[in-house]
Amino acid sequence: MYEALYLFLATGLVSMSAALSAGALNKLPEERRPAFMQTRNGAVTVVMAGNLGALTLIGALAYGIRHLDWWIPVSCLFITFPVVHLVLIQRLLGDLKALLLMLPLVLASIVALWYFW
């Protein structure tokens, strides 16, 4: 049981963090966006990274509901993951660095979820 819990917590946290970081970057005004987002391709890349994070979060949630009690993934989805992202990750790294750090971890999460399902 603990392996499933650890896998769910790790994959869910990095995927929610990537999705929230991409959403925060997209909501910035044009003049405050990073330089690579000034082009259309940069903005599309951030949107796609957020979508990949959101889809991985759905997969982690399905994995958590399948292998754990239902209330653990639901409470983590609405309370734990957003709080950890907003209090720790976003304040320490900022949105751009958080997205750049979490994106490879999201790809590793996809592989881990696929392997351990």
PDB file of N, CA and C in Angstrom:
ATOM      1  N   MET A   1       0.815  -1.190   0.000  1.00  0.00           N
ATOM      2  CA  MET A   1       0.000   0.000   0.000  1.00  0.00           C
ATOM      3  C   MET A   1       0.864   1.261   0.000  1.00  0.00           C
ATOM      4  N   TYR A   2       1.984   1.239   0.726  1.00  0.00           N
ATOM      5  CA  TYR A   2       2.793   2.444   0.806  1.00  0.00           C
ATOM      6  C   TYR A   2       3.424   2.811  -0.530  1.00  0.00           C
ATOM      7  N   GLU A   3       3.761   1.811  -1.345  1.00  0.00           N
ATOM      8  CA  GLU A   3       4.337   2.100  -2.649  1.00  0.00           C
ATOM      9  C   GLU A   3       3.352   2.862  -3.520  1.00  0.00           C
ATOM     10  N   ALA A   4       2.085   2.444  -3.476  1.00  0.00           N
ATOM     11  CA  ALA A   4       1.053   3.129  -4.257  1.00  0.00           C
ATOM     12  C   ALA A   4       0.855   4.553  -3.749  1.00  0.00           C
ATOM     13  N   LEU A   5       0.908   4.736  -2.448  1.00  0.00           N
ATOM     14  CA  LEU A   5       0.741   6.067  -1.879  1.00  0.00           C
ATOM     15  C   LEU A   5       1.889   6.980  -2.278  1.00  0.00           C
ATOM     16  N   TYR A   6       3.121   6.482  -2.195  1.00  0.00           N
ATOM     17  CA  TYR A   6       4.273   7.289  -2.576  1.00  0.00           C
ATOM     18  C   TYR A   6       4.248   7.644  -4.057  1.00  0.00           C
ATOM     19  N   LEU A   7       3.901   6.680  -4.889  1.00  0.00           N
ATOM     20  CA  LEU A   7       3.833   6.943  -6.322  1.00  0.00           C
ATOM     21  C   LEU A   7       2.751   7.963  -6.633  1.00  0.00           C
ATOM     22  N   PHE A   8       1.595   7.826  -6.006  1.00  0.00           N
ATOM     23  CA  PHE A   8       0.522   8.784  -6.237  1.00  0.00           C
ATOM     24  C   PHE A   8       0.915  10.178  -5.779  1.00  0.00           C
ATOM     25  N   LEU A   9       1.493  10.298  -4.599  1.00  0.00           N
ATOM     26  CA  LEU A   9       1.876  11.610  -4.086  1.00  0.00           C
ATOM     27  C   LEU A   9       2.924  12.275  -4.962  1.00  0.00           C
ATOM     28  N   ALA A  10       3.915  11.523  -5.391  1.00  0.00           N
ATOM     29  CA  ALA A  10       4.974  12.100  -6.216  1.00  0.00           C
ATOM     30  C   ALA A  10       4.456  12.516  -7.587  1.00  0.00           C
ATOM     31  N   THR A  11       3.732  11.628  -8.250  1.00  0.00           N
ATOM     32  CA  THR A  11       3.256  11.950  -9.597  1.00  0.00           C
ATOM     33  C   THR A  11       2.184  13.029  -9.564  1.00  0.00           C
ATOM     34  N   GLY A  12       1.333  12.982  -8.574  1.00  0.00           N
ATOM     35  CA  GLY A  12       0.285  13.995  -8.473  1.00  0.00           C
ATOM     36  C   GLY A  12       0.836  15.373  -8.171  1.00  0.00           C
ATOM     37  N   LEU A  13       1.821  15.449  -7.289  1.00  0.00           N
ATOM     38  CA  LEU A  13       2.378  16.748  -6.922  1.00  0.00           C
ATOM     39  C   LEU A  13       3.105  17.402  -8.087  1.00  0.00           C
ATOM     40  N   VAL A  14       3.940  16.653  -8.802  1.00  0.00           N
ATOM     41  CA  VAL A  14       4.679  17.273  -9.898  1.00  0.00           C
ATOM     42  C   VAL A  14       3.754  17.633 -11.057  1.00  0.00           C
ATOM     43  N   SER A  15       2.734  16.829 -11.305  1.00  0.00           N
ATOM     44  CA  SER A  15       1.840  17.156 -12.409  1.00  0.00           C
ATOM     45  C   SER A  15       0.941  18.342 -12.063  1.00  0.00           C
ATOM     46  N   MET A  16       0.463  18.434 -10.829  1.00  0.00           N
ATOM     47  CA  MET A  16      -0.332  19.603 -10.443  1.00  0.00           C
ATOM     48  C   MET A  16       0.524  20.855 -10.446  1.00  0.00           C
ATOM     49  N   SER A  17       1.757  20.745 -10.002  1.00  0.00           N
ATOM     50  CA  SER A  17       2.643  21.898  -9.992  1.00  0.00           C
ATOM     51  C   SER A  17       2.931  22.392 -11.410  1.00  0.00           C
ATOM     52  N   ALA A  18       3.145  21.478 -12.335  1.00  0.00           N
ATOM     53  CA  ALA A  18       3.381  21.873 -13.725  1.00  0.00           C
ATOM     54  C   ALA A  18       2.142  22.541 -14.319  1.00  0.00           C
ATOM     55  N   ALA A  19       0.980  21.992 -14.048  1.00  0.00           N
ATOM     56  CA  ALA A  19      -0.251  22.566 -14.589  1.00  0.00           C
ATOM     57  C   ALA A  19      -0.526  23.948 -13.990  1.00  0.00           C
ATOM     58  N   LEU A  20      -0.338  24.105 -12.691  1.00  0.00           N
ATOM     59  CA  LEU A  20      -0.573  25.398 -12.060  1.00  0.00           C
ATOM     60  C   LEU A  20       0.452  26.439 -12.500  1.00  0.00           C
ATOM     61  N   SER A  21       1.692  26.036 -12.680  1.00  0.00           N
ATOM     62  CA  SER A  21       2.722  26.966 -13.148  1.00  0.00           C
ATOM     63  C   SER A  21       2.436  27.434 -14.574  1.00  0.00           C
ATOM     64  N   ALA A  22       2.037  26.519 -15.424  1.00  0.00           N
ATOM     65  CA  ALA A  22       1.703  26.898 -16.803  1.00  0.00           C
ATOM     66  C   ALA A  22       0.496  27.827 -16.832  1.00  0.00           C
ATOM     67  N   GLY A  23      -0.494  27.554 -15.999  1.00  0.00           N
ATOM     68  CA  GLY A  23      -1.658  28.429 -15.929  1.00  0.00           C
ATOM     69  C   GLY A  23      -1.303  29.815 -15.433  1.00  0.00           C
ATOM     70  N   ALA A  24      -0.415  29.897 -14.446  1.00  0.00           N
ATOM     71  CA  ALA A  24       0.001  31.205 -13.931  1.00  0.00           C
ATOM     72  C   ALA A  24       0.814  31.977 -14.976  1.00  0.00           C
ATOM     73  N   LEU A  25       1.643  31.288 -15.736  1.00  0.00           N
ATOM     74  CA  LEU A  25       2.405  31.961 -16.793  1.00  0.00           C
ATOM     75  C   LEU A  25       1.490  32.474 -17.902  1.00  0.00           C
ATOM     76  N   ASN A  26       0.457  31.733 -18.214  1.00  0.00           N
ATOM     77  CA  ASN A  26      -0.469  32.168 -19.258  1.00  0.00           C
ATOM     78  C   ASN A  26      -1.309  33.355 -18.830  1.00  0.00           C
ATOM     79  N   LYS A  27      -1.516  33.516 -17.530  1.00  0.00           N
ATOM     80  CA  LYS A  27      -2.339  34.620 -17.035  1.00  0.00           C
ATOM     81  C   LYS A  27      -1.564  35.927 -16.865  1.00  0.00           C
ATOM     82  N   LEU A  28      -0.253  35.871 -17.035  1.00  0.00           N
ATOM     83  CA  LEU A  28       0.540  37.091 -16.919  1.00  0.00           C
ATOM     84  C   LEU A  28       0.216  38.049 -18.052  1.00  0.00           C
ATOM     85  N   PRO A  29       0.275  39.354 -17.796  1.00  0.00           N
ATOM     86  CA  PRO A  29       0.103  40.310 -18.899  1.00  0.00           C
ATOM     87  C   PRO A  29       1.255  40.182 -19.903  1.00  0.00           C
ATOM     88  N   GLU A  30       1.022  40.639 -21.103  1.00  0.00           N
ATOM     89  CA  GLU A  30       2.002  40.490 -22.184  1.00  0.00           C
ATOM     90  C   GLU A  30       3.366  41.068 -21.817  1.00  0.00           C
ATOM     91  N   GLU A  31       3.403  42.192 -21.145  1.00  0.00           N
ATOM     92  CA  GLU A  31       4.680  42.842 -20.852  1.00  0.00           C
ATOM     93  C   GLU A  31       5.456  42.158 -19.724  1.00  0.00           C
ATOM     94  N   ARG A  32       4.814  41.335 -18.926  1.00  0.00           N
ATOM     95  CA  ARG A  32       5.480  40.645 -17.820  1.00  0.00           C
ATOM     96  C   ARG A  32       5.830  39.193 -18.141  1.00  0.00           C
ATOM     97  N   ARG A  33       5.463  38.723 -19.307  1.00  0.00           N
ATOM     98  CA  ARG A  33       5.767  37.340 -19.684  1.00  0.00           C
ATOM     99  C   ARG A  33       7.241  37.172 -19.975  1.00  0.00           C
ATOM    100  N   PRO A  34       7.772  35.957 -19.755  1.00  0.00           N
ATOM    101  CA  PRO A  34       9.181  35.716 -20.108  1.00  0.00           C
ATOM    102  C   PRO A  34       9.417  35.901 -21.605  1.00  0.00           C
ATOM    103  N   ALA A  35      10.676  36.056 -21.961  1.00  0.00           N
ATOM    104  CA  ALA A  35      11.024  36.386 -23.349  1.00  0.00           C
ATOM    105  C   ALA A  35      10.586  35.304 -24.334  1.00  0.00           C
ATOM    106  N   PHE A  36      10.728  34.044 -23.966  1.00  0.00           N
ATOM    107  CA  PHE A  36      10.367  32.997 -24.924  1.00  0.00           C
ATOM    108  C   PHE A  36       8.863  32.900 -25.134  1.00  0.00           C
ATOM    109  N   MET A  37       8.070  33.461 -24.228  1.00  0.00           N
ATOM    110  CA  MET A  37       6.624  33.425 -24.397  1.00  0.00           C
ATOM    111  C   MET A  37       6.096  34.567 -25.260  1.00  0.00           C
ATOM    112  N   GLN A  38       6.965  35.464 -25.688  1.00  0.00           N
ATOM    113  CA  GLN A  38       6.541  36.562 -26.551  1.00  0.00           C
ATOM    114  C   GLN A  38       6.180  36.072 -27.955  1.00  0.00           C
ATOM    115  N   THR A  39       6.747  34.935 -28.347  1.00  0.00           N
ATOM    116  CA  THR A  39       6.405  34.362 -29.646  1.00  0.00           C
ATOM    117  C   THR A  39       5.209  33.428 -29.491  1.00  0.00           C
ATOM    118  N   ARG A  40       4.581  33.144 -30.592  1.00  0.00           N
ATOM    119  CA  ARG A  40       3.418  32.244 -30.572  1.00  0.00           C
ATOM    120  C   ARG A  40       3.837  30.825 -30.179  1.00  0.00           C
ATOM    121  N   ASN A  41       4.980  30.362 -30.667  1.00  0.00           N
ATOM    122  CA  ASN A  41       5.443  29.011 -30.352  1.00  0.00           C
ATOM    123  C   ASN A  41       5.744  28.853 -28.866  1.00  0.00           C
ATOM    124  N   GLY A  42       6.294  29.869 -28.241  1.00  0.00           N
ATOM    125  CA  GLY A  42       6.569  29.799 -26.810  1.00  0.00           C
ATOM    126  C   GLY A  42       5.298  29.712 -25.989  1.00  0.00           C
ATOM    127  N   ALA A  43       4.297  30.488 -26.372  1.00  0.00           N
ATOM    128  CA  ALA A  43       3.027  30.444 -25.652  1.00  0.00           C
ATOM    129  C   ALA A  43       2.335  29.095 -25.835  1.00  0.00           C
ATOM    130  N   VAL A  44       2.403  28.556 -27.034  1.00  0.00           N
ATOM    131  CA  VAL A  44       1.794  27.249 -27.299  1.00  0.00           C
ATOM    132  C   VAL A  44       2.533  26.154 -26.522  1.00  0.00           C
ATOM    133  N   THR A  45       3.842  26.279 -26.401  1.00  0.00           N
ATOM    134  CA  THR A  45       4.622  25.304 -25.643  1.00  0.00           C
ATOM    135  C   THR A  45       4.217  25.292 -24.178  1.00  0.00           C
ATOM    136  N   VAL A  46       3.982  26.457 -23.611  1.00  0.00           N
ATOM    137  CA  VAL A  46       3.563  26.533 -22.209  1.00  0.00           C
ATOM    138  C   VAL A  46       2.170  25.935 -22.039  1.00  0.00           C
ATOM    139  N   VAL A  47       1.284  26.203 -22.976  1.00  0.00           N
ATOM    140  CA  VAL A  47      -0.059  25.620 -22.913  1.00  0.00           C
ATOM    141  C   VAL A  47       0.000  24.101 -23.020  1.00  0.00           C
ATOM    142  N   MET A  48       0.815  23.591 -23.922  1.00  0.00           N
ATOM    143  CA  MET A  48       0.943  22.143 -24.070  1.00  0.00           C
ATOM    144  C   MET A  48       1.576  21.498 -22.844  1.00  0.00           C
ATOM    145  N   ALA A  49       2.539  22.179 -22.221  1.00  0.00           N
ATOM    146  CA  ALA A  49       3.139  21.661 -20.990  1.00  0.00           C
ATOM    147  C   ALA A  49       2.101  21.609 -19.875  1.00  0.00           C
ATOM    148  N   GLY A  50       1.251  22.623 -19.796  1.00  0.00           N
ATOM    149  CA  GLY A  50       0.173  22.612 -18.801  1.00  0.00           C
ATOM    150  C   GLY A  50      -0.836  21.514 -19.061  1.00  0.00           C
ATOM    151  N   ASN A  51      -1.159  21.296 -20.319  1.00  0.00           N
ATOM    152  CA  ASN A  51      -2.090  20.220 -20.659  1.00  0.00           C
ATOM    153  C   ASN A  51      -1.496  18.850 -20.351  1.00  0.00           C
ATOM    154  N   LEU A  52      -0.212  18.684 -20.612  1.00  0.00           N
ATOM    155  CA  LEU A  52       0.452  17.420 -20.278  1.00  0.00           C
ATOM    156  C   LEU A  52       0.440  17.193 -18.768  1.00  0.00           C
ATOM    157  N   GLY A  53       0.681  18.246 -18.004  1.00  0.00           N
ATOM    158  CA  GLY A  53       0.612  18.135 -16.555  1.00  0.00           C
ATOM    159  C   GLY A  53      -0.791  17.798 -16.073  1.00  0.00           C
ATOM    160  N   ALA A  54      -1.795  18.411 -16.682  1.00  0.00           N
ATOM    161  CA  ALA A  54      -3.180  18.132 -16.282  1.00  0.00           C
ATOM    162  C   ALA A  54      -3.587  16.704 -16.618  1.00  0.00           C
ATOM    163  N   LEU A  55      -3.191  16.220 -17.787  1.00  0.00           N
ATOM    164  CA  LEU A  55      -3.513  14.837 -18.147  1.00  0.00           C
ATOM    165  C   LEU A  55      -2.792  13.832 -17.262  1.00  0.00           C
ATOM    166  N   THR A  56      -1.564  14.156 -16.900  1.00  0.00           N
ATOM    167  CA  THR A  56      -0.841  13.279 -15.982  1.00  0.00           C
ATOM    168  C   THR A  56      -1.473  13.305 -14.597  1.00  0.00           C
ATOM    169  N   LEU A  57      -1.986  14.449 -14.194  1.00  0.00           N
ATOM    170  CA  LEU A  57      -2.690  14.540 -12.919  1.00  0.00           C
ATOM    171  C   LEU A  57      -3.948  13.673 -12.928  1.00  0.00           C
ATOM    172  N   ILE A  58      -4.654  13.652 -14.025  1.00  0.00           N
ATOM    173  CA  ILE A  58      -5.829  12.786 -14.141  1.00  0.00           C
ATOM    174  C   ILE A  58      -5.420  11.322 -14.048  1.00  0.00           C
ATOM    175  N   GLY A  59      -4.312  10.974 -14.697  1.00  0.00           N
ATOM    176  CA  GLY A  59      -3.813   9.600 -14.593  1.00  0.00           C
ATOM    177  C   GLY A  59      -3.385   9.244 -13.184  1.00  0.00           C
ATOM    178  N   ALA A  60      -2.722  10.171 -12.500  1.00  0.00           N
ATOM    179  CA  ALA A  60      -2.316   9.921 -11.113  1.00  0.00           C
ATOM    180  C   ALA A  60      -3.537   9.791 -10.214  1.00  0.00           C
ATOM    181  N   LEU A  61      -4.560  10.592 -10.468  1.00  0.00           N
ATOM    182  CA  LEU A  61      -5.797  10.505  -9.687  1.00  0.00           C
ATOM    183  C   LEU A  61      -6.488   9.168  -9.919  1.00  0.00           C
ATOM    184  N   ALA A  62      -6.528   8.720 -11.156  1.00  0.00           N
ATOM    185  CA  ALA A  62      -7.128   7.415 -11.442  1.00  0.00           C
ATOM    186  C   ALA A  62      -6.328   6.295 -10.784  1.00  0.00           C
ATOM    187  N   TYR A  63      -5.006   6.394 -10.814  1.00  0.00           N
ATOM    188  CA  TYR A  63      -4.158   5.408 -10.147  1.00  0.00           C
ATOM    189  C   TYR A  63      -4.413   5.425  -8.646  1.00  0.00           C
ATOM    190  N   GLY A  64      -4.506   6.608  -8.065  1.00  0.00           N
ATOM    191  CA  GLY A  64      -4.740   6.712  -6.631  1.00  0.00           C
ATOM    192  C   GLY A  64      -6.093   6.179  -6.210  1.00  0.00           C
ATOM    193  N   ILE A  65      -7.119   6.448  -6.988  1.00  0.00           N
ATOM    194  CA  ILE A  65      -8.448   5.941  -6.654  1.00  0.00           C
ATOM    195  C   ILE A  65      -8.497   4.428  -6.805  1.00  0.00           C
ATOM    196  N   ARG A  66      -7.774   3.904  -7.778  1.00  0.00           N
ATOM    197  CA  ARG A  66      -7.775   2.464  -7.994  1.00  0.00           C
ATOM    198  C   ARG A  66      -7.028   1.701  -6.900  1.00  0.00           C
ATOM    199  N   HIS A  67      -5.914   2.259  -6.420  1.00  0.00           N
ATOM    200  CA  HIS A  67      -5.061   1.526  -5.494  1.00  0.00           C
ATOM    201  C   HIS A  67      -5.174   1.980  -4.036  1.00  0.00           C
ATOM    202  N   LEU A  68      -5.815   3.107  -3.783  1.00  0.00           N
ATOM    203  CA  LEU A  68      -5.938   3.630  -2.427  1.00  0.00           C
ATOM    204  C   LEU A  68      -7.414   3.840  -2.100  1.00  0.00           C
ATOM    205  N   ASP A  69      -7.693   4.216  -0.874  1.00  0.00           N
ATOM    206  CA  ASP A  69      -9.060   4.625  -0.546  1.00  0.00           C
ATOM    207  C   ASP A  69      -9.381   5.901  -1.302  1.00  0.00           C
ATOM    208  N   TRP A  70     -10.638   6.080  -1.654  1.00  0.00           N
ATOM    209  CA  TRP A  70     -11.024   7.189  -2.525  1.00  0.00           C
ATOM    210  C   TRP A  70     -10.764   8.553  -1.916  1.00  0.00           C
ATOM    211  N   TRP A  71     -10.823   8.681  -0.608  1.00  0.00           N
ATOM    212  CA  TRP A  71     -10.702   9.994   0.012  1.00  0.00           C
ATOM    213  C   TRP A  71      -9.266  10.521   0.002  1.00  0.00           C
ATOM    214  N   ILE A  72      -8.293   9.651  -0.113  1.00  0.00           N
ATOM    215  CA  ILE A  72      -6.902  10.110  -0.137  1.00  0.00           C
ATOM    216  C   ILE A  72      -6.607  10.901  -1.413  1.00  0.00           C
ATOM    217  N   PRO A  73      -6.899  10.384  -2.603  1.00  0.00           N
ATOM    218  CA  PRO A  73      -6.636  11.180  -3.811  1.00  0.00           C
ATOM    219  C   PRO A  73      -7.497  12.439  -3.906  1.00  0.00           C
ATOM    220  N   VAL A  74      -8.728  12.348  -3.470  1.00  0.00           N
ATOM    221  CA  VAL A  74      -9.606  13.521  -3.569  1.00  0.00           C
ATOM    222  C   VAL A  74      -9.130  14.635  -2.641  1.00  0.00           C
ATOM    223  N   SER A  75      -8.756  14.283  -1.420  1.00  0.00           N
ATOM    224  CA  SER A  75      -8.275  15.325  -0.503  1.00  0.00           C
ATOM    225  C   SER A  75      -6.939  15.896  -0.959  1.00  0.00           C
ATOM    226  N   CYS A  76      -6.083  15.063  -1.528  1.00  0.00           N
ATOM    227  CA  CYS A  76      -4.816  15.575  -2.050  1.00  0.00           C
ATOM    228  C   CYS A  76      -5.045  16.487  -3.253  1.00  0.00           C
ATOM    229  N   LEU A  77      -6.006  16.167  -4.072  1.00  0.00           N
ATOM    230  CA  LEU A  77      -6.291  16.972  -5.258  1.00  0.00           C
ATOM    231  C   LEU A  77      -6.766  18.370  -4.894  1.00  0.00           C
ATOM    232  N   PHE A  78      -7.601  18.478  -3.881  1.00  0.00           N
ATOM    233  CA  PHE A  78      -8.189  19.768  -3.537  1.00  0.00           C
ATOM    234  C   PHE A  78      -7.451  20.516  -2.437  1.00  0.00           C
ATOM    235  N   ILE A  79      -6.665  19.827  -1.619  1.00  0.00           N
ATOM    236  CA  ILE A  79      -6.027  20.509  -0.492  1.00  0.00           C
ATOM    237  C   ILE A  79      -4.504  20.422  -0.569  1.00  0.00           C
ATOM    238  N   THR A  80      -3.957  19.229  -0.511  1.00  0.00           N
ATOM    239  CA  THR A  80      -2.522  19.056  -0.317  1.00  0.00           C
ATOM    240  C   THR A  80      -1.693  19.547  -1.500  1.00  0.00           C
ATOM    241  N   PHE A  81      -2.001  19.108  -2.717  1.00  0.00           N
ATOM    242  CA  PHE A  81      -1.192  19.479  -3.873  1.00  0.00           C
ATOM    243  C   PHE A  81      -1.201  20.989  -4.141  1.00  0.00           C
ATOM    244  N   PRO A  82      -2.359  21.652  -4.154  1.00  0.00           N
ATOM    245  CA  PRO A  82      -2.317  23.112  -4.379  1.00  0.00           C
ATOM    246  C   PRO A  82      -1.597  23.871  -3.270  1.00  0.00           C
ATOM    247  N   VAL A  83      -1.771  23.443  -2.019  1.00  0.00           N
ATOM    248  CA  VAL A  83      -1.116  24.150  -0.914  1.00  0.00           C
ATOM    249  C   VAL A  83       0.396  23.997  -1.004  1.00  0.00           C
ATOM    250  N   VAL A  84       0.880  22.792  -1.268  1.00  0.00           N
ATOM    251  CA  VAL A  84       2.323  22.575  -1.381  1.00  0.00           C
ATOM    252  C   VAL A  84       2.885  23.383  -2.550  1.00  0.00           C
ATOM    253  N   HIS A  85       2.162  23.431  -3.649  1.00  0.00           N
ATOM    254  CA  HIS A  85       2.643  24.203  -4.797  1.00  0.00           C
ATOM    255  C   HIS A  85       2.691  25.689  -4.474  1.00  0.00           C
ATOM    256  N   LEU A  86       1.618  26.231  -3.920  1.00  0.00           N
ATOM    257  CA  LEU A  86       1.566  27.667  -3.666  1.00  0.00           C
ATOM    258  C   LEU A  86       2.498  28.105  -2.540  1.00  0.00           C
ATOM    259  N   VAL A  87       2.591  27.312  -1.484  1.00  0.00           N
ATOM    260  CA  VAL A  87       3.387  27.718  -0.327  1.00  0.00           C
ATOM    261  C   VAL A  87       4.875  27.450  -0.537  1.00  0.00           C
ATOM    262  N   LEU A  88       5.216  26.326  -1.105  1.00  0.00           N
ATOM    263  CA  LEU A  88       6.630  25.968  -1.234  1.00  0.00           C
ATOM    264  C   LEU A  88       7.199  26.215  -2.626  1.00  0.00           C
ATOM    265  N   ILE A  89       6.660  25.525  -3.599  1.00  0.00           N
ATOM    266  CA  ILE A  89       7.294  25.489  -4.922  1.00  0.00           C
ATOM    267  C   ILE A  89       7.230  26.840  -5.611  1.00  0.00           C
ATOM    268  N   GLN A  90       6.078  27.477  -5.603  1.00  0.00           N
ATOM    269  CA  GLN A  90       5.941  28.744  -6.310  1.00  0.00           C
ATOM    270  C   GLN A  90       6.740  29.854  -5.627  1.00  0.00           C
ATOM    271  N   ARG A  91       6.767  29.852  -4.311  1.00  0.00           N
ATOM    272  CA  ARG A  91       7.523  30.900  -3.613  1.00  0.00           C
ATOM    273  C   ARG A  91       9.021  30.692  -3.705  1.00  0.00           C
ATOM    274  N   LEU A  92       9.460  29.445  -3.715  1.00  0.00           N
ATOM    275  CA  LEU A  92      10.893  29.191  -3.797  1.00  0.00           C
ATOM    276  C   LEU A  92      11.441  29.349  -5.214  1.00  0.00           C
ATOM    277  N   LEU A  93      10.712  28.846  -6.192  1.00  0.00           N
ATOM    278  CA  LEU A  93      11.232  28.801  -7.556  1.00  0.00           C
ATOM    279  C   LEU A  93      10.642  29.841  -8.491  1.00  0.00           C
ATOM    280  N   GLY A  94       9.415  30.232  -8.271  1.00  0.00           N
ATOM    281  CA  GLY A  94       8.726  31.064  -9.244  1.00  0.00           C
ATOM    282  C   GLY A  94       8.057  30.173 -10.281  1.00  0.00           C
ATOM    283  N   ASP A  95       7.210  30.775 -11.092  1.00  0.00           N
ATOM    284  CA  ASP A  95       6.422  29.981 -12.034  1.00  0.00           C
ATOM    285  C   ASP A  95       7.256  29.395 -13.160  1.00  0.00           C
ATOM    286  N   LEU A  96       8.156  30.177 -13.724  1.00  0.00           N
ATOM    287  CA  LEU A  96       8.933  29.688 -14.870  1.00  0.00           C
ATOM    288  C   LEU A  96       9.892  28.573 -14.466  1.00  0.00           C
ATOM    289  N   LYS A  97      10.636  28.766 -13.390  1.00  0.00           N
ATOM    290  CA  LYS A  97      11.569  27.725 -12.957  1.00  0.00           C
ATOM    291  C   LYS A  97      10.825  26.476 -12.484  1.00  0.00           C
ATOM    292  N   ALA A  98       9.677  26.673 -11.859  1.00  0.00           N
ATOM    293  CA  ALA A  98       8.889  25.516 -11.423  1.00  0.00           C
ATOM    294  C   ALA A  98       8.416  24.705 -12.620  1.00  0.00           C
ATOM    295  N   LEU A  99       7.967  25.394 -13.668  1.00  0.00           N
ATOM    296  CA  LEU A  99       7.518  24.681 -14.865  1.00  0.00           C
ATOM    297  C   LEU A  99       8.678  23.947 -15.526  1.00  0.00           C
ATOM    298  N   LEU A 100       9.825  24.609 -15.622  1.00  0.00           N
ATOM    299  CA  LEU A 100      10.979  23.975 -16.253  1.00  0.00           C
ATOM    300  C   LEU A 100      11.506  22.799 -15.436  1.00  0.00           C
ATOM    301  N   LEU A 101      11.385  22.865 -14.115  1.00  0.00           N
ATOM    302  CA  LEU A 101      11.818  21.757 -13.275  1.00  0.00           C
ATOM    303  C   LEU A 101      10.810  20.616 -13.301  1.00  0.00           C
ATOM    304  N   MET A 102       9.534  20.941 -13.301  1.00  0.00           N
ATOM    305  CA  MET A 102       8.500  19.911 -13.200  1.00  0.00           C
ATOM    306  C   MET A 102       8.229  19.191 -14.518  1.00  0.00           C
ATOM    307  N   LEU A 103       8.509  19.808 -15.627  1.00  0.00           N
ATOM    308  CA  LEU A 103       8.200  19.174 -16.913  1.00  0.00           C
ATOM    309  C   LEU A 103       8.947  17.855 -17.123  1.00  0.00           C
ATOM    310  N   PRO A 104      10.249  17.756 -16.865  1.00  0.00           N
ATOM    311  CA  PRO A 104      10.891  16.429 -16.975  1.00  0.00           C
ATOM    312  C   PRO A 104      10.364  15.441 -15.932  1.00  0.00           C
ATOM    313  N   LEU A 105      10.011  15.956 -14.756  1.00  0.00           N
ATOM    314  CA  LEU A 105       9.455  15.075 -13.733  1.00  0.00           C
ATOM    315  C   LEU A 105       8.069  14.563 -14.125  1.00  0.00           C
ATOM    316  N   VAL A 106       7.316  15.372 -14.859  1.00  0.00           N
ATOM    317  CA  VAL A 106       6.016  14.917 -15.373  1.00  0.00           C
ATOM    318  C   VAL A 106       6.223  13.791 -16.374  1.00  0.00           C
ATOM    319  N   LEU A 107       7.213  13.932 -17.235  1.00  0.00           N
ATOM    320  CA  LEU A 107       7.495  12.863 -18.202  1.00  0.00           C
ATOM    321  C   LEU A 107       7.926  11.582 -17.488  1.00  0.00           C
ATOM    322  N   ALA A 108       8.719  11.715 -16.433  1.00  0.00           N
ATOM    323  CA  ALA A 108       9.101  10.540 -15.644  1.00  0.00           C
ATOM    324  C   ALA A 108       7.886   9.963 -14.914  1.00  0.00           C
ATOM    325  N   SER A 109       6.962  10.822 -14.515  1.00  0.00           N
ATOM    326  CA  SER A 109       5.741  10.352 -13.850  1.00  0.00           C
ATOM    327  C   SER A 109       4.866   9.539 -14.785  1.00  0.00           C
ATOM    328  N   ILE A 110       4.809   9.954 -16.035  1.00  0.00           N
ATOM    329  CA  ILE A 110       4.031   9.194 -17.021  1.00  0.00           C
ATOM    330  C   ILE A 110       4.599   7.787 -17.154  1.00  0.00           C
ATOM    331  N   VAL A 111       5.912   7.709 -17.229  1.00  0.00           N
ATOM    332  CA  VAL A 111       6.555   6.395 -17.349  1.00  0.00           C
ATOM    333  C   VAL A 111       6.320   5.564 -16.092  1.00  0.00           C
ATOM    334  N   ALA A 112       6.438   6.178 -14.925  1.00  0.00           N
ATOM    335  CA  ALA A 112       6.244   5.460 -13.664  1.00  0.00           C
ATOM    336  C   ALA A 112       4.797   4.963 -13.512  1.00  0.00           C
ATOM    337  N   LEU A 113       3.842   5.810 -13.857  1.00  0.00           N
ATOM    338  CA  LEU A 113       2.444   5.388 -13.785  1.00  0.00           C
ATOM    339  C   LEU A 113       2.168   4.243 -14.753  1.00  0.00           C
ATOM    340  N   TRP A 114       2.728   4.332 -15.947  1.00  0.00           N
ATOM    341  CA  TRP A 114       2.542   3.267 -16.934  1.00  0.00           C
ATOM    342  C   TRP A 114       3.158   1.953 -16.445  1.00  0.00           C
ATOM    343  N   TYR A 115       4.335   2.032 -15.851  1.00  0.00           N
ATOM    344  CA  TYR A 115       5.051   0.836 -15.422  1.00  0.00           C
ATOM    345  C   TYR A 115       4.391   0.171 -14.218  1.00  0.00           C
ATOM    346  N   PHE A 116       3.981   0.964 -13.234  1.00  0.00           N
ATOM    347  CA  PHE A 116       3.464   0.397 -11.989  1.00  0.00           C
ATOM    348  C   PHE A 116       1.963   0.194 -11.976  1.00  0.00           C
ATOM    349  N   TRP A 117       1.264   0.549 -13.041  1.00  0.00           N
ATOM    350  CA  TRP A 117      -0.186   0.373 -13.070  1.00  0.00           C
ATOM    351  C   TRP A 117      -0.488  -1.102 -12.946  1.00  0.00           C
TER     352      TRP A 117
END
